[in-house]
Amino acid sequence: MLKRSVSSEGSSIINDLELMTDTLEEILRSSGDLSDQGYIDLKKKAEKILHDVTSRTNKLSKDYYSRIKKTAYCVDDYLREKPWHGVSIGAVVGLLAGLLLTHR
């Protein structure tokens, strides 16, 4: 369920970025006349989209950071309660890394 919400948010941001890119390309193709109302409207639209995408990206990065931090605390608590599990996992990871490096 979590993956669906993250991927839907990610695809929404991708769609917003594509819309922003299209809008900015349209601005660049326009006359660039500062007295042209169409140019002014496009510029405002691009600024609004940029602001929206930036705020959503910041929110997502904060969400991911808090999830990673929470996971790190859970792992830390688990390893403090069961240190031999951590030693075993470290030994297995080291063994696998050694095997992969020697078969290179």
PDB file of N, CA and C in Angstrom:
ATOM      1  N   MET A   1       0.823  -1.192   0.000  1.00  0.00           N
ATOM      2  CA  MET A   1       0.000   0.000   0.000  1.00  0.00           C
ATOM      3  C   MET A   1       0.866   1.254   0.000  1.00  0.00           C
ATOM      4  N   LEU A   2       1.955   1.228   0.752  1.00  0.00           N
ATOM      5  CA  LEU A   2       2.860   2.371   0.806  1.00  0.00           C
ATOM      6  C   LEU A   2       3.495   2.624  -0.541  1.00  0.00           C
ATOM      7  N   LYS A   3       3.869   1.551  -1.249  1.00  0.00           N
ATOM      8  CA  LYS A   3       4.506   1.707  -2.548  1.00  0.00           C
ATOM      9  C   LYS A   3       3.574   2.379  -3.541  1.00  0.00           C
ATOM     10  N   ARG A   4       2.297   2.062  -3.460  1.00  0.00           N
ATOM     11  CA  ARG A   4       1.341   2.669  -4.393  1.00  0.00           C
ATOM     12  C   ARG A   4       1.251   4.177  -4.176  1.00  0.00           C
ATOM     13  N   SER A   5       1.177   4.591  -2.918  1.00  0.00           N
ATOM     14  CA  SER A   5       1.044   6.030  -2.668  1.00  0.00           C
ATOM     15  C   SER A   5       2.314   6.764  -3.056  1.00  0.00           C
ATOM     16  N   VAL A   6       3.474   6.151  -2.798  1.00  0.00           N
ATOM     17  CA  VAL A   6       4.728   6.795  -3.164  1.00  0.00           C
ATOM     18  C   VAL A   6       4.858   6.868  -4.674  1.00  0.00           C
ATOM     19  N   SER A   7       4.517   5.767  -5.374  1.00  0.00           N
ATOM     20  CA  SER A   7       4.655   5.789  -6.829  1.00  0.00           C
ATOM     21  C   SER A   7       3.640   6.722  -7.464  1.00  0.00           C
ATOM     22  N   SER A   8       2.435   6.828  -6.889  1.00  0.00           N
ATOM     23  CA  SER A   8       1.457   7.761  -7.457  1.00  0.00           C
ATOM     24  C   SER A   8       1.898   9.203  -7.230  1.00  0.00           C
ATOM     25  N   GLU A   9       2.509   9.472  -6.056  1.00  0.00           N
ATOM     26  CA  GLU A   9       3.039  10.812  -5.820  1.00  0.00           C
ATOM     27  C   GLU A   9       4.207  11.083  -6.757  1.00  0.00           C
ATOM     28  N   GLY A  10       5.048  10.068  -6.954  1.00  0.00           N
ATOM     29  CA  GLY A  10       6.196  10.223  -7.847  1.00  0.00           C
ATOM     30  C   GLY A  10       5.759  10.468  -9.273  1.00  0.00           C
ATOM     31  N   SER A  11       4.739   9.727  -9.743  1.00  0.00           N
ATOM     32  CA  SER A  11       4.280   9.928 -11.113  1.00  0.00           C
ATOM     33  C   SER A  11       3.582  11.278 -11.249  1.00  0.00           C
ATOM     34  N   SER A  12       2.921  11.727 -10.185  1.00  0.00           N
ATOM     35  CA  SER A  12       2.298  13.048 -10.217  1.00  0.00           C
ATOM     36  C   SER A  12       3.358  14.139 -10.327  1.00  0.00           C
ATOM     37  N   ILE A  13       4.457  13.969  -9.616  1.00  0.00           N
ATOM     38  CA  ILE A  13       5.547  14.949  -9.700  1.00  0.00           C
ATOM     39  C   ILE A  13       6.168  14.917 -11.089  1.00  0.00           C
ATOM     40  N   ILE A  14       6.318  13.724 -11.650  1.00  0.00           N
ATOM     41  CA  ILE A  14       6.871  13.622 -13.005  1.00  0.00           C
ATOM     42  C   ILE A  14       5.959  14.330 -13.991  1.00  0.00           C
ATOM     43  N   ASN A  15       4.657  14.135 -13.851  1.00  0.00           N
ATOM     44  CA  ASN A  15       3.704  14.824 -14.728  1.00  0.00           C
ATOM     45  C   ASN A  15       3.801  16.337 -14.551  1.00  0.00           C
ATOM     46  N   ASP A  16       3.940  16.784 -13.300  1.00  0.00           N
ATOM     47  CA  ASP A  16       4.081  18.220 -13.049  1.00  0.00           C
ATOM     48  C   ASP A  16       5.365  18.763 -13.663  1.00  0.00           C
ATOM     49  N   LEU A  17       6.446  18.007 -13.558  1.00  0.00           N
ATOM     50  CA  LEU A  17       7.703  18.449 -14.157  1.00  0.00           C
ATOM     51  C   LEU A  17       7.598  18.537 -15.674  1.00  0.00           C
ATOM     52  N   GLU A  18       6.894  17.572 -16.289  1.00  0.00           N
ATOM     53  CA  GLU A  18       6.692  17.624 -17.739  1.00  0.00           C
ATOM     54  C   GLU A  18       5.851  18.840 -18.114  1.00  0.00           C
ATOM     55  N   LEU A  19       4.812  19.109 -17.341  1.00  0.00           N
ATOM     56  CA  LEU A  19       3.973  20.282 -17.592  1.00  0.00           C
ATOM     57  C   LEU A  19       4.781  21.564 -17.447  1.00  0.00           C
ATOM     58  N   MET A  20       5.636  21.618 -16.404  1.00  0.00           N
ATOM     59  CA  MET A  20       6.467  22.792 -16.204  1.00  0.00           C
ATOM     60  C   MET A  20       7.433  22.970 -17.368  1.00  0.00           C
ATOM     61  N   THR A  21       8.029  21.882 -17.826  1.00  0.00           N
ATOM     62  CA  THR A  21       8.958  21.959 -18.950  1.00  0.00           C
ATOM     63  C   THR A  21       8.250  22.457 -20.196  1.00  0.00           C
ATOM     64  N   ASP A  22       7.062  21.914 -20.464  1.00  0.00           N
ATOM     65  CA  ASP A  22       6.305  22.355 -21.636  1.00  0.00           C
ATOM     66  C   ASP A  22       5.957  23.842 -21.545  1.00  0.00           C
ATOM     67  N   THR A  23       5.559  24.283 -20.356  1.00  0.00           N
ATOM     68  CA  THR A  23       5.209  25.687 -20.164  1.00  0.00           C
ATOM     69  C   THR A  23       6.417  26.586 -20.367  1.00  0.00           C
ATOM     70  N   LEU A  24       7.557  26.180 -19.802  1.00  0.00           N
ATOM     71  CA  LEU A  24       8.762  26.992 -19.965  1.00  0.00           C
ATOM     72  C   LEU A  24       9.217  27.036 -21.421  1.00  0.00           C
ATOM     73  N   GLU A  25       9.074  25.921 -22.149  1.00  0.00           N
ATOM     74  CA  GLU A  25       9.412  25.925 -23.577  1.00  0.00           C
ATOM     75  C   GLU A  25       8.493  26.866 -24.335  1.00  0.00           C
ATOM     76  N   GLU A  26       7.215  26.878 -23.954  1.00  0.00           N
ATOM     77  CA  GLU A  26       6.253  27.777 -24.593  1.00  0.00           C
ATOM     78  C   GLU A  26       6.627  29.233 -24.332  1.00  0.00           C
ATOM     79  N   ILE A  27       7.095  29.516 -23.122  1.00  0.00           N
ATOM     80  CA  ILE A  27       7.537  30.879 -22.793  1.00  0.00           C
ATOM     81  C   ILE A  27       8.724  31.272 -23.659  1.00  0.00           C
ATOM     82  N   LEU A  28       9.662  30.352 -23.788  1.00  0.00           N
ATOM     83  CA  LEU A  28      10.851  30.658 -24.577  1.00  0.00           C
ATOM     84  C   LEU A  28      10.502  30.880 -26.052  1.00  0.00           C
ATOM     85  N   ARG A  29       9.501  30.167 -26.542  1.00  0.00           N
ATOM     86  CA  ARG A  29       9.106  30.333 -27.942  1.00  0.00           C
ATOM     87  C   ARG A  29       8.290  31.598 -28.175  1.00  0.00           C
ATOM     88  N   SER A  30       7.735  32.163 -27.113  1.00  0.00           N
ATOM     89  CA  SER A  30       6.906  33.355 -27.283  1.00  0.00           C
ATOM     90  C   SER A  30       7.784  34.557 -27.610  1.00  0.00           C
ATOM     91  N   SER A  31       7.135  35.640 -27.919  1.00  0.00           N
ATOM     92  CA  SER A  31       7.851  36.837 -28.370  1.00  0.00           C
ATOM     93  C   SER A  31       8.773  37.412 -27.314  1.00  0.00           C
ATOM     94  N   GLY A  32       8.455  37.216 -26.063  1.00  0.00           N
ATOM     95  CA  GLY A  32       9.280  37.773 -25.002  1.00  0.00           C
ATOM     96  C   GLY A  32       9.011  39.244 -24.749  1.00  0.00           C
ATOM     97  N   ASP A  33       7.996  39.779 -25.369  1.00  0.00           N
ATOM     98  CA  ASP A  33       7.642  41.185 -25.184  1.00  0.00           C
ATOM     99  C   ASP A  33       6.982  41.336 -23.816  1.00  0.00           C
ATOM    100  N   LEU A  34       7.585  42.126 -22.939  1.00  0.00           N
ATOM    101  CA  LEU A  34       7.080  42.274 -21.583  1.00  0.00           C
ATOM    102  C   LEU A  34       5.711  42.941 -21.521  1.00  0.00           C
ATOM    103  N   SER A  35       5.302  43.611 -22.590  1.00  0.00           N
ATOM    104  CA  SER A  35       3.973  44.222 -22.597  1.00  0.00           C
ATOM    105  C   SER A  35       2.920  43.253 -23.140  1.00  0.00           C
ATOM    106  N   ASP A  36       3.344  42.108 -23.643  1.00  0.00           N
ATOM    107  CA  ASP A  36       2.429  41.099 -24.190  1.00  0.00           C
ATOM    108  C   ASP A  36       1.745  40.366 -23.036  1.00  0.00           C
ATOM    109  N   GLN A  37       0.405  40.441 -22.997  1.00  0.00           N
ATOM    110  CA  GLN A  37      -0.351  39.819 -21.906  1.00  0.00           C
ATOM    111  C   GLN A  37      -0.198  38.302 -21.926  1.00  0.00           C
ATOM    112  N   GLY A  38      -0.106  37.692 -23.097  1.00  0.00           N
ATOM    113  CA  GLY A  38       0.086  36.243 -23.194  1.00  0.00           C
ATOM    114  C   GLY A  38       1.395  35.820 -22.547  1.00  0.00           C
ATOM    115  N   TYR A  39       2.431  36.585 -22.784  1.00  0.00           N
ATOM    116  CA  TYR A  39       3.740  36.306 -22.184  1.00  0.00           C
ATOM    117  C   TYR A  39       3.671  36.424 -20.668  1.00  0.00           C
ATOM    118  N   ILE A  40       3.004  37.453 -20.176  1.00  0.00           N
ATOM    119  CA  ILE A  40       2.882  37.664 -18.727  1.00  0.00           C
ATOM    120  C   ILE A  40       2.100  36.521 -18.088  1.00  0.00           C
ATOM    121  N   ASP A  41       1.001  36.098 -18.744  1.00  0.00           N
ATOM    122  CA  ASP A  41       0.202  34.990 -18.216  1.00  0.00           C
ATOM    123  C   ASP A  41       1.007  33.692 -18.188  1.00  0.00           C
ATOM    124  N   LEU A  42       1.757  33.414 -19.256  1.00  0.00           N
ATOM    125  CA  LEU A  42       2.584  32.205 -19.292  1.00  0.00           C
ATOM    126  C   LEU A  42       3.662  32.232 -18.216  1.00  0.00           C
ATOM    127  N   LYS A  43       4.242  33.397 -17.997  1.00  0.00           N
ATOM    128  CA  LYS A  43       5.275  33.521 -16.981  1.00  0.00           C
ATOM    129  C   LYS A  43       4.688  33.246 -15.597  1.00  0.00           C
ATOM    130  N   LYS A  44       3.512  33.790 -15.305  1.00  0.00           N
ATOM    131  CA  LYS A  44       2.857  33.548 -14.019  1.00  0.00           C
ATOM    132  C   LYS A  44       2.520  32.072 -13.848  1.00  0.00           C
ATOM    133  N   LYS A  45       2.035  31.447 -14.926  1.00  0.00           N
ATOM    134  CA  LYS A  45       1.701  30.032 -14.876  1.00  0.00           C
ATOM    135  C   LYS A  45       2.954  29.196 -14.588  1.00  0.00           C
ATOM    136  N   ALA A  46       4.064  29.519 -15.244  1.00  0.00           N
ATOM    137  CA  ALA A  46       5.313  28.792 -15.029  1.00  0.00           C
ATOM    138  C   ALA A  46       5.813  28.980 -13.597  1.00  0.00           C
ATOM    139  N   GLU A  47       5.718  30.178 -13.074  1.00  0.00           N
ATOM    140  CA  GLU A  47       6.160  30.438 -11.701  1.00  0.00           C
ATOM    141  C   GLU A  47       5.315  29.664 -10.698  1.00  0.00           C
ATOM    142  N   LYS A  48       3.992  29.587 -10.931  1.00  0.00           N
ATOM    143  CA  LYS A  48       3.108  28.848 -10.034  1.00  0.00           C
ATOM    144  C   LYS A  48       3.427  27.361 -10.077  1.00  0.00           C
ATOM    145  N   ILE A  49       3.612  26.811 -11.265  1.00  0.00           N
ATOM    146  CA  ILE A  49       3.933  25.391 -11.390  1.00  0.00           C
ATOM    147  C   ILE A  49       5.267  25.095 -10.726  1.00  0.00           C
ATOM    148  N   LEU A  50       6.249  25.947 -10.940  1.00  0.00           N
ATOM    149  CA  LEU A  50       7.560  25.760 -10.328  1.00  0.00           C
ATOM    150  C   LEU A  50       7.449  25.769  -8.805  1.00  0.00           C
ATOM    151  N   HIS A  51       6.674  26.699  -8.273  1.00  0.00           N
ATOM    152  CA  HIS A  51       6.479  26.777  -6.827  1.00  0.00           C
ATOM    153  C   HIS A  51       5.797  25.509  -6.302  1.00  0.00           C
ATOM    154  N   ASP A  52       4.747  25.041  -6.996  1.00  0.00           N
ATOM    155  CA  ASP A  52       4.032  23.835  -6.578  1.00  0.00           C
ATOM    156  C   ASP A  52       4.943  22.612  -6.589  1.00  0.00           C
ATOM    157  N   VAL A  53       5.708  22.458  -7.663  1.00  0.00           N
ATOM    158  CA  VAL A  53       6.601  21.301  -7.776  1.00  0.00           C
ATOM    159  C   VAL A  53       7.687  21.359  -6.703  1.00  0.00           C
ATOM    160  N   THR A  54       8.215  22.531  -6.461  1.00  0.00           N
ATOM    161  CA  THR A  54       9.254  22.677  -5.436  1.00  0.00           C
ATOM    162  C   THR A  54       8.720  22.318  -4.057  1.00  0.00           C
ATOM    163  N   SER A  55       7.530  22.791  -3.734  1.00  0.00           N
ATOM    164  CA  SER A  55       6.975  22.494  -2.409  1.00  0.00           C
ATOM    165  C   SER A  55       6.652  21.013  -2.273  1.00  0.00           C
ATOM    166  N   ARG A  56       6.138  20.372  -3.326  1.00  0.00           N
ATOM    167  CA  ARG A  56       5.853  18.938  -3.265  1.00  0.00           C
ATOM    168  C   ARG A  56       7.131  18.118  -3.155  1.00  0.00           C
ATOM    169  N   THR A  57       8.170  18.540  -3.864  1.00  0.00           N
ATOM    170  CA  THR A  57       9.448  17.833  -3.787  1.00  0.00           C
ATOM    171  C   THR A  57      10.030  17.951  -2.388  1.00  0.00           C
ATOM    172  N   ASN A  58       9.944  19.139  -1.801  1.00  0.00           N
ATOM    173  CA  ASN A  58      10.431  19.320  -0.432  1.00  0.00           C
ATOM    174  C   ASN A  58       9.659  18.459   0.552  1.00  0.00           C
ATOM    175  N   LYS A  59       8.339  18.375   0.374  1.00  0.00           N
ATOM    176  CA  LYS A  59       7.516  17.553   1.267  1.00  0.00           C
ATOM    177  C   LYS A  59       7.906  16.085   1.132  1.00  0.00           C
ATOM    178  N   LEU A  60       8.076  15.611  -0.106  1.00  0.00           N
ATOM    179  CA  LEU A  60       8.453  14.217  -0.303  1.00  0.00           C
ATOM    180  C   LEU A  60       9.819  13.914   0.298  1.00  0.00           C
ATOM    181  N   SER A  61      10.771  14.820   0.126  1.00  0.00           N
ATOM    182  CA  SER A  61      12.102  14.560   0.674  1.00  0.00           C
ATOM    183  C   SER A  61      12.061  14.525   2.202  1.00  0.00           C
ATOM    184  N   LYS A  62      11.239  15.378   2.816  1.00  0.00           N
ATOM    185  CA  LYS A  62      11.092  15.349   4.272  1.00  0.00           C
ATOM    186  C   LYS A  62      10.441  14.045   4.715  1.00  0.00           C
ATOM    187  N   ASP A  63       9.429  13.577   3.963  1.00  0.00           N
ATOM    188  CA  ASP A  63       8.771  12.316   4.294  1.00  0.00           C
ATOM    189  C   ASP A  63       9.759  11.148   4.201  1.00  0.00           C
ATOM    190  N   TYR A  64      10.539  11.102   3.134  1.00  0.00           N
ATOM    191  CA  TYR A  64      11.508  10.023   2.976  1.00  0.00           C
ATOM    192  C   TYR A  64      12.565  10.082   4.068  1.00  0.00           C
ATOM    193  N   TYR A  65      13.019  11.276   4.403  1.00  0.00           N
ATOM    194  CA  TYR A  65      14.015  11.426   5.455  1.00  0.00           C
ATOM    195  C   TYR A  65      13.467  10.909   6.780  1.00  0.00           C
ATOM    196  N   SER A  66      12.232  11.264   7.108  1.00  0.00           N
ATOM    197  CA  SER A  66      11.663  10.815   8.383  1.00  0.00           C
ATOM    198  C   SER A  66      11.466   9.302   8.385  1.00  0.00           C
ATOM    199  N   ARG A  67      11.090   8.714   7.250  1.00  0.00           N
ATOM    200  CA  ARG A  67      10.946   7.252   7.176  1.00  0.00           C
ATOM    201  C   ARG A  67      12.291   6.555   7.347  1.00  0.00           C
ATOM    202  N   ILE A  68      13.317   7.080   6.709  1.00  0.00           N
ATOM    203  CA  ILE A  68      14.645   6.490   6.822  1.00  0.00           C
ATOM    204  C   ILE A  68      15.146   6.608   8.260  1.00  0.00           C
ATOM    205  N   LYS A  69      14.921   7.752   8.874  1.00  0.00           N
ATOM    206  CA  LYS A  69      15.348   7.965  10.252  1.00  0.00           C
ATOM    207  C   LYS A  69      14.620   7.004  11.190  1.00  0.00           C
ATOM    208  N   LYS A  70      13.328   6.834  10.990  1.00  0.00           N
ATOM    209  CA  LYS A  70      12.545   5.918  11.814  1.00  0.00           C
ATOM    210  C   LYS A  70      13.040   4.486  11.645  1.00  0.00           C
ATOM    211  N   THR A  71      13.336   4.097  10.410  1.00  0.00           N
ATOM    212  CA  THR A  71      13.854   2.752  10.148  1.00  0.00           C
ATOM    213  C   THR A  71      15.210   2.553  10.819  1.00  0.00           C
ATOM    214  N   ALA A  72      16.066   3.557  10.750  1.00  0.00           N
ATOM    215  CA  ALA A  72      17.386   3.458  11.381  1.00  0.00           C
ATOM    216  C   ALA A  72      17.249   3.292  12.892  1.00  0.00           C
ATOM    217  N   TYR A  73      16.319   4.008  13.505  1.00  0.00           N
ATOM    218  CA  TYR A  73      16.101   3.858  14.940  1.00  0.00           C
ATOM    219  C   TYR A  73      15.580   2.458  15.280  1.00  0.00           C
ATOM    220  N   CYS A  74      14.694   1.922  14.447  1.00  0.00           N
ATOM    221  CA  CYS A  74      14.181   0.567  14.683  1.00  0.00           C
ATOM    222  C   CYS A  74      15.301  -0.464  14.579  1.00  0.00           C
ATOM    223  N   VAL A  75      16.159  -0.317  13.580  1.00  0.00           N
ATOM    224  CA  VAL A  75      17.289  -1.239  13.415  1.00  0.00           C
ATOM    225  C   VAL A  75      18.233  -1.109  14.606  1.00  0.00           C
ATOM    226  N   ASP A  76      18.495   0.105  15.026  1.00  0.00           N
ATOM    227  CA  ASP A  76      19.373   0.326  16.168  1.00  0.00           C
ATOM    228  C   ASP A  76      18.805  -0.325  17.428  1.00  0.00           C
ATOM    229  N   ASP A  77      17.511  -0.136  17.662  1.00  0.00           N
ATOM    230  CA  ASP A  77      16.874  -0.756  18.832  1.00  0.00           C
ATOM    231  C   ASP A  77      16.955  -2.279  18.756  1.00  0.00           C
ATOM    232  N   TYR A  78      16.690  -2.827  17.585  1.00  0.00           N
ATOM    233  CA  TYR A  78      16.732  -4.277  17.405  1.00  0.00           C
ATOM    234  C   TYR A  78      18.133  -4.814  17.687  1.00  0.00           C
ATOM    235  N   LEU A  79      19.156  -4.138  17.150  1.00  0.00           N
ATOM    236  CA  LEU A  79      20.520  -4.614  17.343  1.00  0.00           C
ATOM    237  C   LEU A  79      20.988  -4.442  18.791  1.00  0.00           C
ATOM    238  N   ARG A  80      20.445  -3.472  19.484  1.00  0.00           N
ATOM    239  CA  ARG A  80      20.786  -3.325  20.902  1.00  0.00           C
ATOM    240  C   ARG A  80      20.150  -4.437  21.725  1.00  0.00           C
ATOM    241  N   GLU A  81      18.949  -4.873  21.332  1.00  0.00           N
ATOM    242  CA  GLU A  81      18.276  -5.951  22.043  1.00  0.00           C
ATOM    243  C   GLU A  81      18.891  -7.307  21.712  1.00  0.00           C
ATOM    244  N   LYS A  82      19.314  -7.498  20.489  1.00  0.00           N
ATOM    245  CA  LYS A  82      19.836  -8.795  20.037  1.00  0.00           C
ATOM    246  C   LYS A  82      21.156  -8.582  19.296  1.00  0.00           C
ATOM    247  N   PRO A  83      22.225  -8.304  20.031  1.00  0.00           N
ATOM    248  CA  PRO A  83      23.502  -7.988  19.375  1.00  0.00           C
ATOM    249  C   PRO A  83      24.079  -9.151  18.571  1.00  0.00           C
ATOM    250  N   TRP A  84      23.818 -10.378  18.993  1.00  0.00           N
ATOM    251  CA  TRP A  84      24.377 -11.520  18.255  1.00  0.00           C
ATOM    252  C   TRP A  84      23.724 -11.679  16.892  1.00  0.00           C
ATOM    253  N   HIS A  85      22.513 -11.239  16.748  1.00  0.00           N
ATOM    254  CA  HIS A  85      21.886 -11.255  15.420  1.00  0.00           C
ATOM    255  C   HIS A  85      22.633 -10.299  14.489  1.00  0.00           C
ATOM    256  N   GLY A  86      23.008  -9.151  15.033  1.00  0.00           N
ATOM    257  CA  GLY A  86      23.775  -8.177  14.250  1.00  0.00           C
ATOM    258  C   GLY A  86      25.129  -8.718  13.852  1.00  0.00           C
ATOM    259  N   VAL A  87      25.792  -9.404  14.778  1.00  0.00           N
ATOM    260  CA  VAL A  87      27.090 -10.013  14.474  1.00  0.00           C
ATOM    261  C   VAL A  87      26.922 -11.066  13.391  1.00  0.00           C
ATOM    262  N   SER A  88      25.878 -11.884  13.498  1.00  0.00           N
ATOM    263  CA  SER A  88      25.621 -12.932  12.496  1.00  0.00           C
ATOM    264  C   SER A  88      25.336 -12.325  11.124  1.00  0.00           C
ATOM    265  N   ILE A  89      24.527 -11.304  11.095  1.00  0.00           N
ATOM    266  CA  ILE A  89      24.196 -10.655   9.820  1.00  0.00           C
ATOM    267  C   ILE A  89      25.450 -10.036   9.212  1.00  0.00           C
ATOM    268  N   GLY A  90      26.261  -9.393  10.038  1.00  0.00           N
ATOM    269  CA  GLY A  90      27.511  -8.813   9.554  1.00  0.00           C
ATOM    270  C   GLY A  90      28.450  -9.866   9.002  1.00  0.00           C
ATOM    271  N   ALA A  91      28.520 -11.017   9.668  1.00  0.00           N
ATOM    272  CA  ALA A  91      29.385 -12.108   9.198  1.00  0.00           C
ATOM    273  C   ALA A  91      28.892 -12.641   7.857  1.00  0.00           C
ATOM    274  N   VAL A  92      27.596 -12.813   7.717  1.00  0.00           N
ATOM    275  CA  VAL A  92      27.036 -13.316   6.452  1.00  0.00           C
ATOM    276  C   VAL A  92      27.277 -12.320   5.325  1.00  0.00           C
ATOM    277  N   VAL A  93      27.058 -11.058   5.590  1.00  0.00           N
ATOM    278  CA  VAL A  93      27.286 -10.032   4.563  1.00  0.00           C
ATOM    279  C   VAL A  93      28.767 -10.000   4.182  1.00  0.00           C
ATOM    280  N   GLY A  94      29.644 -10.083   5.156  1.00  0.00           N
ATOM    281  CA  GLY A  94      31.081 -10.118   4.871  1.00  0.00           C
ATOM    282  C   GLY A  94      31.476 -11.339   4.064  1.00  0.00           C
ATOM    283  N   LEU A  95      30.915 -12.487   4.402  1.00  0.00           N
ATOM    284  CA  LEU A  95      31.192 -13.717   3.657  1.00  0.00           C
ATOM    285  C   LEU A  95      30.715 -13.601   2.209  1.00  0.00           C
ATOM    286  N   LEU A  96      29.508 -13.108   2.019  1.00  0.00           N
ATOM    287  CA  LEU A  96      28.982 -12.938   0.655  1.00  0.00           C
ATOM    288  C   LEU A  96      29.808 -11.938  -0.141  1.00  0.00           C
ATOM    289  N   ALA A  97      30.202 -10.850   0.494  1.00  0.00           N
ATOM    290  CA  ALA A  97      31.036  -9.859  -0.202  1.00  0.00           C
ATOM    291  C   ALA A  97      32.374 -10.474  -0.585  1.00  0.00           C
ATOM    292  N   GLY A  98      32.953 -11.240   0.315  1.00  0.00           N
ATOM    293  CA  GLY A  98      34.212 -11.913   0.014  1.00  0.00           C
ATOM    294  C   GLY A  98      34.084 -12.896  -1.132  1.00  0.00           C
ATOM    295  N   LEU A  99      32.995 -13.646  -1.143  1.00  0.00           N
ATOM    296  CA  LEU A  99      32.762 -14.611  -2.233  1.00  0.00           C
ATOM    297  C   LEU A  99      32.588 -13.888  -3.572  1.00  0.00           C
ATOM    298  N   LEU A 100      31.839 -12.805  -3.558  1.00  0.00           N
ATOM    299  CA  LEU A 100      31.616 -12.055  -4.790  1.00  0.00           C
ATOM    300  C   LEU A 100      32.920 -11.431  -5.301  1.00  0.00           C
ATOM    301  N   LEU A 101      33.752 -10.958  -4.410  1.00  0.00           N
ATOM    302  CA  LEU A 101      35.003 -10.327  -4.825  1.00  0.00           C
ATOM    303  C   LEU A 101      36.028 -11.343  -5.319  1.00  0.00           C
ATOM    304  N   THR A 102      36.009 -12.555  -4.768  1.00  0.00           N
ATOM    305  CA  THR A 102      36.983 -13.555  -5.216  1.00  0.00           C
ATOM    306  C   THR A 102      36.590 -14.183  -6.543  1.00  0.00           C
ATOM    307  N   HIS A 103      35.322 -14.190  -6.869  1.00  0.00           N
ATOM    308  CA  HIS A 103      34.869 -14.750  -8.147  1.00  0.00           C
ATOM    309  C   HIS A 103      34.918 -13.746  -9.268  1.00  0.00           C
ATOM    310  N   ARG A 104      35.477 -12.633  -9.026  1.00  0.00           N
ATOM    311  CA  ARG A 104      35.582 -11.574 -10.018  1.00  0.00           C
ATOM    312  C   ARG A 104      36.633 -11.890 -10.966  1.00  0.00           C
TER     313      ARG A 104
END
